[in-house]
N, C-alpha and C. Protein backbone atom coordinates (compact mmCIF):
# COMPACT_ATOMS: atom_id res chain seq x y z
N MET A 1 5.23 -4.36 13.50
CA MET A 1 3.85 -4.49 13.89
C MET A 1 3.07 -5.12 12.73
N THR A 2 2.26 -6.09 13.06
CA THR A 2 1.41 -6.76 12.08
C THR A 2 -0.01 -6.28 12.26
N ARG A 3 -0.65 -5.98 11.15
CA ARG A 3 -2.07 -5.62 11.16
C ARG A 3 -2.83 -6.69 10.39
N VAL A 4 -4.13 -6.71 10.55
CA VAL A 4 -4.96 -7.70 9.87
C VAL A 4 -4.70 -7.66 8.37
N HIS A 5 -4.52 -6.47 7.78
CA HIS A 5 -4.33 -6.38 6.32
C HIS A 5 -3.06 -7.08 5.85
N ASP A 6 -2.12 -7.35 6.75
CA ASP A 6 -0.92 -8.11 6.38
C ASP A 6 -1.22 -9.59 6.22
N LEU A 7 -2.33 -10.04 6.78
CA LEU A 7 -2.67 -11.46 6.82
C LEU A 7 -3.90 -11.83 5.99
N ALA A 8 -4.73 -10.83 5.66
CA ALA A 8 -6.04 -11.15 5.08
C ALA A 8 -6.63 -9.96 4.32
N HIS A 9 -7.72 -10.26 3.63
CA HIS A 9 -8.55 -9.21 3.05
C HIS A 9 -9.91 -9.30 3.71
N ALA A 10 -10.76 -8.30 3.48
CA ALA A 10 -12.06 -8.27 4.16
C ALA A 10 -13.13 -7.69 3.24
N ARG A 11 -14.36 -8.09 3.51
CA ARG A 11 -15.54 -7.57 2.81
C ARG A 11 -16.62 -7.28 3.85
N ALA A 12 -17.39 -6.25 3.60
CA ALA A 12 -18.43 -5.87 4.55
C ALA A 12 -19.80 -5.87 3.88
N GLY A 13 -20.79 -6.16 4.68
CA GLY A 13 -22.18 -6.09 4.25
C GLY A 13 -23.00 -5.52 5.38
N ASP A 14 -24.30 -5.36 5.18
CA ASP A 14 -25.13 -4.77 6.22
C ASP A 14 -26.53 -5.35 6.19
N LYS A 15 -27.17 -5.24 7.32
CA LYS A 15 -28.58 -5.57 7.47
C LYS A 15 -29.09 -4.69 8.60
N GLY A 16 -29.87 -3.69 8.26
CA GLY A 16 -30.35 -2.77 9.28
C GLY A 16 -29.18 -2.03 9.92
N ASN A 17 -29.09 -2.09 11.22
CA ASN A 17 -28.04 -1.39 11.97
C ASN A 17 -26.85 -2.31 12.28
N THR A 18 -26.79 -3.44 11.60
CA THR A 18 -25.76 -4.44 11.87
C THR A 18 -24.81 -4.57 10.69
N SER A 19 -23.51 -4.54 11.00
CA SER A 19 -22.49 -4.74 9.97
C SER A 19 -22.00 -6.18 10.05
N ASN A 20 -21.77 -6.75 8.90
CA ASN A 20 -21.26 -8.11 8.78
C ASN A 20 -19.94 -8.02 8.01
N ILE A 21 -18.83 -8.39 8.66
CA ILE A 21 -17.52 -8.27 8.02
C ILE A 21 -16.83 -9.63 8.05
N VAL A 22 -16.46 -10.10 6.88
CA VAL A 22 -15.73 -11.36 6.77
C VAL A 22 -14.27 -11.03 6.50
N VAL A 23 -13.39 -11.73 7.21
CA VAL A 23 -11.95 -11.59 7.07
C VAL A 23 -11.43 -12.92 6.53
N VAL A 24 -10.77 -12.90 5.38
CA VAL A 24 -10.31 -14.12 4.72
C VAL A 24 -8.79 -14.10 4.63
N ALA A 25 -8.16 -15.09 5.24
CA ALA A 25 -6.70 -15.16 5.27
C ALA A 25 -6.13 -15.46 3.89
N TYR A 26 -4.96 -14.88 3.61
CA TYR A 26 -4.27 -15.14 2.35
C TYR A 26 -3.72 -16.55 2.27
N ASP A 27 -3.33 -17.11 3.44
CA ASP A 27 -2.70 -18.44 3.45
C ASP A 27 -2.94 -19.11 4.80
N ASP A 28 -2.48 -20.35 4.94
CA ASP A 28 -2.71 -21.13 6.16
C ASP A 28 -2.04 -20.49 7.38
N ARG A 29 -0.85 -19.96 7.20
CA ARG A 29 -0.14 -19.33 8.32
C ARG A 29 -0.93 -18.12 8.85
N GLY A 30 -1.42 -17.30 7.93
CA GLY A 30 -2.24 -16.16 8.33
C GLY A 30 -3.53 -16.60 9.00
N TRP A 31 -4.13 -17.66 8.50
CA TRP A 31 -5.36 -18.19 9.09
C TRP A 31 -5.13 -18.61 10.54
N GLN A 32 -4.04 -19.31 10.79
CA GLN A 32 -3.75 -19.76 12.16
C GLN A 32 -3.62 -18.56 13.10
N ARG A 33 -2.97 -17.53 12.63
CA ARG A 33 -2.79 -16.34 13.45
C ARG A 33 -4.11 -15.61 13.67
N LEU A 34 -4.90 -15.45 12.63
CA LEU A 34 -6.20 -14.79 12.77
C LEU A 34 -7.12 -15.57 13.70
N GLU A 35 -7.16 -16.86 13.51
CA GLU A 35 -8.04 -17.68 14.34
C GLU A 35 -7.68 -17.55 15.82
N ARG A 36 -6.39 -17.47 16.09
CA ARG A 36 -5.92 -17.36 17.48
C ARG A 36 -6.10 -15.95 18.04
N ASP A 37 -5.77 -14.93 17.25
CA ASP A 37 -5.60 -13.59 17.80
C ASP A 37 -6.65 -12.55 17.42
N LEU A 38 -7.43 -12.78 16.38
CA LEU A 38 -8.46 -11.81 16.03
C LEU A 38 -9.73 -12.17 16.79
N THR A 39 -9.73 -11.77 18.03
CA THR A 39 -10.78 -12.16 18.97
C THR A 39 -11.96 -11.17 18.94
N VAL A 40 -13.05 -11.60 19.51
CA VAL A 40 -14.22 -10.73 19.67
C VAL A 40 -13.82 -9.49 20.46
N GLU A 41 -13.03 -9.66 21.50
CA GLU A 41 -12.62 -8.54 22.34
C GLU A 41 -11.79 -7.52 21.56
N ARG A 42 -10.88 -8.01 20.74
CA ARG A 42 -10.02 -7.13 19.95
C ARG A 42 -10.85 -6.35 18.92
N VAL A 43 -11.79 -7.02 18.26
CA VAL A 43 -12.65 -6.36 17.28
C VAL A 43 -13.59 -5.38 17.98
N ALA A 44 -14.17 -5.76 19.09
CA ALA A 44 -15.07 -4.86 19.83
C ALA A 44 -14.34 -3.60 20.25
N ALA A 45 -13.09 -3.73 20.67
CA ALA A 45 -12.32 -2.55 21.07
C ALA A 45 -12.12 -1.61 19.88
N ALA A 46 -11.82 -2.15 18.71
CA ALA A 46 -11.60 -1.34 17.52
C ALA A 46 -12.88 -0.62 17.09
N PHE A 47 -14.02 -1.28 17.22
CA PHE A 47 -15.29 -0.70 16.77
C PHE A 47 -16.00 0.08 17.86
N SER A 48 -15.44 0.13 19.04
CA SER A 48 -16.07 0.87 20.14
C SER A 48 -16.13 2.37 19.84
N VAL A 49 -15.25 2.87 18.99
CA VAL A 49 -15.28 4.29 18.62
C VAL A 49 -16.60 4.66 17.92
N LEU A 50 -17.28 3.68 17.38
CA LEU A 50 -18.56 3.89 16.72
C LEU A 50 -19.74 3.66 17.66
N GLY A 51 -19.45 3.27 18.90
CA GLY A 51 -20.52 2.90 19.81
C GLY A 51 -21.12 1.56 19.45
N ALA A 52 -20.36 0.76 18.70
CA ALA A 52 -20.85 -0.51 18.18
C ALA A 52 -20.72 -1.63 19.21
N GLY A 53 -21.55 -2.62 19.04
CA GLY A 53 -21.49 -3.82 19.84
C GLY A 53 -22.90 -4.24 20.21
N PRO A 54 -23.07 -5.45 20.62
CA PRO A 54 -22.04 -6.48 20.80
C PRO A 54 -21.53 -7.04 19.47
N VAL A 55 -20.44 -7.81 19.59
CA VAL A 55 -19.78 -8.44 18.44
C VAL A 55 -19.88 -9.95 18.60
N LYS A 56 -20.19 -10.63 17.51
CA LYS A 56 -20.18 -12.10 17.49
C LYS A 56 -19.20 -12.54 16.41
N ARG A 57 -18.53 -13.66 16.65
CA ARG A 57 -17.55 -14.19 15.69
C ARG A 57 -17.93 -15.61 15.30
N TYR A 58 -17.86 -15.88 14.00
CA TYR A 58 -18.14 -17.22 13.48
C TYR A 58 -16.94 -17.66 12.65
N GLY A 59 -16.42 -18.84 12.96
CA GLY A 59 -15.29 -19.38 12.22
C GLY A 59 -15.72 -20.20 11.01
N LEU A 60 -15.01 -20.00 9.92
CA LEU A 60 -15.24 -20.76 8.68
C LEU A 60 -13.90 -21.34 8.26
N PRO A 61 -13.42 -22.37 8.97
CA PRO A 61 -12.07 -22.88 8.73
C PRO A 61 -11.83 -23.41 7.32
N GLN A 62 -12.87 -23.97 6.68
CA GLN A 62 -12.69 -24.49 5.33
C GLN A 62 -12.34 -23.37 4.34
N LEU A 63 -12.76 -22.15 4.67
CA LEU A 63 -12.50 -20.99 3.82
C LEU A 63 -11.35 -20.13 4.36
N ARG A 64 -10.79 -20.52 5.48
CA ARG A 64 -9.77 -19.72 6.19
C ARG A 64 -10.32 -18.33 6.46
N ALA A 65 -11.53 -18.29 7.01
CA ALA A 65 -12.22 -17.02 7.21
C ALA A 65 -12.88 -16.93 8.58
N LEU A 66 -13.02 -15.69 9.03
CA LEU A 66 -13.79 -15.37 10.23
C LEU A 66 -14.86 -14.37 9.82
N ASN A 67 -16.08 -14.60 10.28
CA ASN A 67 -17.18 -13.69 10.00
C ASN A 67 -17.56 -13.00 11.30
N PHE A 68 -17.52 -11.67 11.30
CA PHE A 68 -17.89 -10.89 12.48
C PHE A 68 -19.21 -10.19 12.22
N VAL A 69 -20.14 -10.33 13.15
CA VAL A 69 -21.42 -9.64 13.11
C VAL A 69 -21.36 -8.59 14.21
N ILE A 70 -21.42 -7.32 13.79
CA ILE A 70 -21.22 -6.20 14.71
C ILE A 70 -22.50 -5.38 14.76
N GLU A 71 -23.20 -5.47 15.87
CA GLU A 71 -24.46 -4.77 16.02
C GLU A 71 -24.22 -3.29 16.33
N ASN A 72 -25.20 -2.46 15.99
CA ASN A 72 -25.17 -1.03 16.29
C ASN A 72 -23.98 -0.30 15.69
N ALA A 73 -23.54 -0.73 14.52
CA ALA A 73 -22.35 -0.16 13.88
C ALA A 73 -22.69 0.84 12.78
N LEU A 74 -23.97 0.98 12.43
CA LEU A 74 -24.31 1.74 11.22
C LEU A 74 -25.20 2.96 11.48
N SER A 75 -25.10 3.53 12.67
CA SER A 75 -25.86 4.76 12.99
C SER A 75 -27.34 4.63 12.66
N GLY A 76 -27.89 3.48 12.92
CA GLY A 76 -29.32 3.25 12.69
C GLY A 76 -29.66 2.51 11.42
N GLY A 77 -28.71 2.40 10.50
CA GLY A 77 -28.95 1.69 9.25
C GLY A 77 -29.14 2.63 8.08
N VAL A 78 -29.25 2.06 6.89
CA VAL A 78 -29.29 2.82 5.64
C VAL A 78 -30.40 3.87 5.63
N ALA A 79 -31.59 3.53 6.09
CA ALA A 79 -32.72 4.46 6.03
C ALA A 79 -32.64 5.56 7.08
N SER A 80 -31.82 5.38 8.11
CA SER A 80 -31.76 6.34 9.21
C SER A 80 -30.47 7.14 9.28
N SER A 81 -29.40 6.58 8.79
CA SER A 81 -28.08 7.17 8.97
C SER A 81 -27.84 8.38 8.07
N LEU A 82 -27.14 9.35 8.60
CA LEU A 82 -26.69 10.50 7.82
C LEU A 82 -25.26 10.32 7.35
N SER A 83 -24.71 9.16 7.57
CA SER A 83 -23.35 8.83 7.17
C SER A 83 -23.20 8.87 5.65
N ILE A 84 -22.01 9.25 5.18
CA ILE A 84 -21.78 9.21 3.74
C ILE A 84 -21.57 7.77 3.26
N ASP A 85 -21.45 6.83 4.19
CA ASP A 85 -21.33 5.40 3.87
C ASP A 85 -22.37 4.65 4.70
N PRO A 86 -23.65 4.83 4.42
CA PRO A 86 -24.68 4.23 5.27
C PRO A 86 -24.69 2.71 5.28
N HIS A 87 -24.15 2.09 4.24
CA HIS A 87 -24.07 0.63 4.20
C HIS A 87 -22.89 0.10 5.01
N GLY A 88 -21.95 0.96 5.37
CA GLY A 88 -20.81 0.55 6.17
C GLY A 88 -19.77 -0.24 5.39
N LYS A 89 -19.72 -0.09 4.08
CA LYS A 89 -18.74 -0.84 3.28
C LYS A 89 -17.30 -0.49 3.68
N SER A 90 -17.08 0.74 4.11
CA SER A 90 -15.72 1.14 4.50
C SER A 90 -15.30 0.57 5.85
N LEU A 91 -16.23 -0.05 6.57
CA LEU A 91 -15.87 -0.62 7.86
C LEU A 91 -14.89 -1.79 7.73
N SER A 92 -14.84 -2.41 6.55
CA SER A 92 -13.84 -3.46 6.35
C SER A 92 -12.44 -2.86 6.45
N ALA A 93 -12.27 -1.59 6.07
CA ALA A 93 -10.97 -0.92 6.20
C ALA A 93 -10.59 -0.77 7.66
N LEU A 94 -11.56 -0.45 8.52
CA LEU A 94 -11.29 -0.37 9.96
C LEU A 94 -10.84 -1.73 10.48
N MET A 95 -11.52 -2.79 10.07
CA MET A 95 -11.14 -4.14 10.49
C MET A 95 -9.70 -4.44 10.09
N LEU A 96 -9.31 -4.05 8.89
CA LEU A 96 -7.97 -4.37 8.39
C LEU A 96 -6.87 -3.61 9.11
N THR A 97 -7.20 -2.53 9.81
CA THR A 97 -6.17 -1.77 10.54
C THR A 97 -5.92 -2.28 11.95
N ILE A 98 -6.68 -3.25 12.40
CA ILE A 98 -6.50 -3.76 13.76
C ILE A 98 -5.10 -4.35 13.90
N GLU A 99 -4.41 -3.93 14.96
CA GLU A 99 -3.07 -4.45 15.25
C GLU A 99 -3.18 -5.82 15.90
N MET A 100 -2.34 -6.72 15.43
CA MET A 100 -2.30 -8.07 15.97
C MET A 100 -1.17 -8.16 16.98
N PRO A 101 -1.35 -8.95 18.04
CA PRO A 101 -0.27 -9.09 19.01
C PRO A 101 0.90 -9.83 18.38
N GLU A 102 2.08 -9.44 18.78
CA GLU A 102 3.27 -10.17 18.33
C GLU A 102 3.40 -11.42 19.19
N ASN A 103 4.16 -12.39 18.75
CA ASN A 103 4.32 -13.65 19.50
C ASN A 103 4.74 -13.34 20.92
N GLY A 104 4.06 -13.99 21.85
CA GLY A 104 4.39 -13.84 23.26
C GLY A 104 3.58 -12.78 23.97
N GLU A 105 2.88 -11.90 23.22
CA GLU A 105 2.05 -10.90 23.87
C GLU A 105 0.80 -11.54 24.42
N THR A 106 0.27 -10.94 25.46
CA THR A 106 -0.97 -11.46 26.02
C THR A 106 -2.15 -10.79 25.35
N GLU A 107 -3.30 -11.43 25.43
CA GLU A 107 -4.53 -10.95 24.83
C GLU A 107 -4.97 -9.66 25.51
N THR A 108 -5.51 -8.71 24.70
CA THR A 108 -6.06 -7.47 25.27
C THR A 108 -7.53 -7.41 25.03
């Protein structure tokens, strides 16, 4: 089983109740796989446990990166959240655990 962390690293930021997570591929092969398989639907499913969404995806091919903007992911944001991680920096770890489909699998 391949997870995002096998192909890339990630960084998270925040603005209000919105998390911004960039996933940067280690190499061209990983980039091709991420671009094809790390879909909005796959990320939304992973973050649905937080009640998060909607999710938007922006491609940055020159950087071999995908930027995901995930609304409603931070329990109201830094000033409102009782979370021990109100900025959501640890959410990049959640992104990195997403399972990628193996070759021949259909999109979920």
